[in-house]
C-alpha atoms as a PDB file:
ATOM      1  CA  UNK A   1      -7.991   9.222   3.351  1.00  0.00           C
ATOM      2  CA  UNK A   2      -9.113   5.706   5.054  1.00  0.00           C
ATOM      3  CA  UNK A   3      -8.714   5.554   9.164  1.00  0.00           C
ATOM      4  CA  UNK A   4      -6.951   2.642  10.900  1.00  0.00           C
ATOM      5  CA  UNK A   5      -7.171   1.667  14.417  1.00  0.00           C
ATOM      6  CA  UNK A   6      -3.211   0.407  15.575  1.00  0.00           C
ATOM      7  CA  UNK A   7      -2.987  -0.820  19.325  1.00  0.00           C
ATOM      8  CA  UNK A   8       0.420   0.308  20.369  1.00  0.00           C
ATOM      9  CA  UNK A   9       2.636   0.380  23.709  1.00  0.00           C
ATOM     10  CA  UNK A  10       1.784   3.396  25.378  1.00  0.00           C
ATOM     11  CA  UNK A  11       5.435   3.951  25.920  1.00  0.00           C
ATOM     12  CA  UNK A  12       5.824   3.529  22.042  1.00  0.00           C
ATOM     13  CA  UNK A  13       3.322   5.824  21.173  1.00  0.00           C
ATOM     14  CA  UNK A  14       5.314   8.603  23.429  1.00  0.00           C
ATOM     15  CA  UNK A  15       8.695   7.774  21.864  1.00  0.00           C
ATOM     16  CA  UNK A  16       6.395   7.832  17.788  1.00  0.00           C
ATOM     17  CA  UNK A  17       5.358  11.299  19.065  1.00  0.00           C
ATOM     18  CA  UNK A  18       8.593  12.650  20.402  1.00  0.00           C
ATOM     19  CA  UNK A  19       9.820  11.626  16.952  1.00  0.00           C
ATOM     20  CA  UNK A  20       7.086  12.890  14.718  1.00  0.00           C
ATOM     21  CA  UNK A  21       7.495  16.566  16.807  1.00  0.00           C
ATOM     22  CA  UNK A  22      11.103  16.710  16.269  1.00  0.00           C
ATOM     23  CA  UNK A  23      10.966  15.987  12.036  1.00  0.00           C
ATOM     24  CA  UNK A  24       7.689  18.269  11.867  1.00  0.00           C
ATOM     25  CA  UNK A  25       5.566  14.905  11.432  1.00  0.00           C
ATOM     26  CA  UNK A  26       2.327  13.703  12.364  1.00  0.00           C
ATOM     27  CA  UNK A  27       2.879   9.904  13.434  1.00  0.00           C
ATOM     28  CA  UNK A  28      -0.315   9.001  11.050  1.00  0.00           C
ATOM     29  CA  UNK A  29       2.305  10.191   8.240  1.00  0.00           C
ATOM     30  CA  UNK A  30       5.302   8.098  10.002  1.00  0.00           C
ATOM     31  CA  UNK A  31       3.237   5.418   9.735  1.00  0.00           C
ATOM     32  CA  UNK A  32       2.559   5.962   6.134  1.00  0.00           C
ATOM     33  CA  UNK A  33       5.311   6.276   4.975  1.00  0.00           C
ATOM     34  CA  UNK A  34       6.941   3.293   7.037  1.00  0.00           C
ATOM     35  CA  UNK A  35       3.842   1.334   5.037  1.00  0.00           C
ATOM     36  CA  UNK A  36       4.351   2.144   1.862  1.00  0.00           C
ATOM     37  CA  UNK A  37       7.962   1.472   2.332  1.00  0.00           C
ATOM     38  CA  UNK A  38       7.466  -1.815   3.142  1.00  0.00           C
ATOM     39  CA  UNK A  39       4.554  -3.134   0.968  1.00  0.00           C
ATOM     40  CA  UNK A  40       6.428  -2.401  -2.223  1.00  0.00           C
ATOM     41  CA  UNK A  41       7.580  -5.163  -3.553  1.00  0.00           C
ATOM     42  CA  UNK A  42      11.343  -5.325  -3.163  1.00  0.00           C
ATOM     43  CA  UNK A  43      13.036  -4.915  -7.128  1.00  0.00           C
ATOM     44  CA  UNK A  44      17.078  -4.726  -7.991  1.00  0.00           C
ATOM     45  CA  UNK A  45      16.677  -1.463  -9.434  1.00  0.00           C
ATOM     46  CA  UNK A  46      15.515  -0.039  -5.862  1.00  0.00           C
ATOM     47  CA  UNK A  47      17.581  -2.128  -3.345  1.00  0.00           C
ATOM     48  CA  UNK A  48      20.657  -0.115  -1.577  1.00  0.00           C
ATOM     49  CA  UNK A  49      23.989  -1.028  -2.826  1.00  0.00           C
ATOM     50  CA  UNK A  50      24.998  -3.257  -0.170  1.00  0.00           C
ATOM     51  CA  UNK A  51      22.307  -5.661  -0.627  1.00  0.00           C
ATOM     52  CA  UNK A  52      22.968  -5.739  -4.198  1.00  0.00           C
ATOM     53  CA  UNK A  53      26.366  -6.623  -3.527  1.00  0.00           C
ATOM     54  CA  UNK A  54      25.533  -9.071  -1.168  1.00  0.00           C
ATOM     55  CA  UNK A  55      23.231 -10.770  -3.614  1.00  0.00           C
ATOM     56  CA  UNK A  56      25.840 -12.969  -5.215  1.00  0.00           C
ATOM     57  CA  UNK A  57      26.909 -14.167  -2.185  1.00  0.00           C
ATOM     58  CA  UNK A  58      23.401 -15.378  -1.159  1.00  0.00           C
ATOM     59  CA  UNK A  59      23.084 -17.058  -4.584  1.00  0.00           C
ATOM     60  CA  UNK A  60      25.814 -19.252  -3.287  1.00  0.00           C
ATOM     61  CA  UNK A  61      23.762 -20.260  -0.215  1.00  0.00           C
ATOM     62  CA  UNK A  62      20.723 -20.578  -1.416  1.00  0.00           C
ATOM     63  CA  UNK A  63      19.133 -16.905   0.359  1.00  0.00           C
ATOM     64  CA  UNK A  64      16.413 -14.874  -0.865  1.00  0.00           C
ATOM     65  CA  UNK A  65      17.367 -11.556  -1.589  1.00  0.00           C
ATOM     66  CA  UNK A  66      14.105 -10.437  -0.193  1.00  0.00           C
ATOM     67  CA  UNK A  67      14.743 -12.161   3.273  1.00  0.00           C
ATOM     68  CA  UNK A  68      18.075 -10.446   3.321  1.00  0.00           C
ATOM     69  CA  UNK A  69      16.447  -6.946   2.730  1.00  0.00           C
ATOM     70  CA  UNK A  70      14.026  -7.479   6.052  1.00  0.00           C
ATOM     71  CA  UNK A  71      16.748  -8.471   7.717  1.00  0.00           C
ATOM     72  CA  UNK A  72      18.579  -5.113   7.325  1.00  0.00           C
ATOM     73  CA  UNK A  73      15.500  -3.601   7.244  1.00  0.00           C
ATOM     74  CA  UNK A  74      15.448  -4.865  11.196  1.00  0.00           C
ATOM     75  CA  UNK A  75      18.720  -4.225  12.413  1.00  0.00           C
ATOM     76  CA  UNK A  76      18.827  -0.511  11.358  1.00  0.00           C
ATOM     77  CA  UNK A  77      15.747   0.356  12.684  1.00  0.00           C
END
C-alpha cells in the first residue's frame, strides 16, 4: 500500500470524517474506493442503465458517452 498526501479544505475533511464514521470506514478507504471507480475505463457493460438509454440520444448530438457519465457522476455526488 502506498501513501498519498492531499491538500483538502478543513471543512471538507471534517465532513468526510463524519461520513466515513457513519459508514464504519476510514477516509482513506473512501478515497481509495472513489479513485478506483473514477479511474476505471468506461465500458458499456458497466454503464448505468440510464446512460445506456441516453447513448442513442447522444449519438445524434455528437456527445461522448464518457462526457455524459462524468456529468451524471458530478450531478449525483
